[in-house]
């Protein structure tokens, strides 16, 4: 069916864009940049050299400006998407659900989750993630021990010209070193570090819950509509003029033609729930094991070909997470970051 093909293309497009943005955010050499470079190499066979240079220069500047400089573009896009989804929910889904006598608290649940999500969003985006300065450098160096593998004493940041505290990293977007650096989030236009990691985790969980609540209410509405209409017990004439019982493809087509905006919104929030749910599960795993995204990515590379300079060249370097203290203490550290004084007492 044509409508099913169109809808599947729409779902694939939304999923591809979401995955692409996740891959591109916070990386020095993003997946998008590599893809553009490979495509330009293929097109160089047919495009004149002068046009190639101009196109490469413009594309490079656009990608650098989009993913490697601080910009409010993704923040505006984030708010616009939420406004569009909640506009459709308020305009149609809420009204239909109210007519079908859904409980008021269920209908207000997405708004309550949205309020909490926006509060966490503002706190996380506006908070100091843990910027390392000359005034707090001496105390931050004493917070975490150097593991001697991923974080080694005496490593100096060439940009900030300061010794890097353990678990810190220089953010090329914010152009500063961040204590317990996790990643730079383009949707927040801010880094996620020791001081705002708790707000980021709550922001992510509340955003996932909001999308899931919207999807659940919308699915419940469509199920009620189908059951009340009695369309499941009806028949229809196919292209050959034969009478056939209603099947799932026909039912989806019927809902798509009757409530096109609601079905499109439902497809978007379901995909959003799946993507955010996976990312939330990964973030919880990092919180339970006291790892950051930066540390997890770096740990994948150890044990293969990296060696400490003081070790024999034939000895393989194996990374071990020395910062994990158990699930509850790890979670406590997320919501109450340790200080140098606390570490000294321990």
Foldseek 3Di string as FASTA:
>chain_A
DVVVVVLVVLLVVLLVVVVQLVQQAFDPCGPVNVVVVVVLVVCVVPDDPVVSVVVVVVVVVVSCVQHQAQDCVLQVVVVVVVCVLVVVCVVPLLVLVVVVPDDPCLSCVLVVLVVLLVVLLCCQLVDDQAFDDPVCPVFLLLQDDAPCFPGDFPDADPQRRHTDRPLWDARSHVRTIGANWFGQDNNSSGTHHQPSLVSVLSNLVSLLVSLVSLLVSLVVSLVVVCVVVVLQQAWDQDPVRDIDGDDDVNSVVVCCVVPVVSVSSNSNSVSVNVVSVVVSVVSLVCLQQVHGNVRVVVQVPAQPQDDDPPDPNVDGGHDDDPPGDGRVVSNVCSVPPDTSVVVVVD
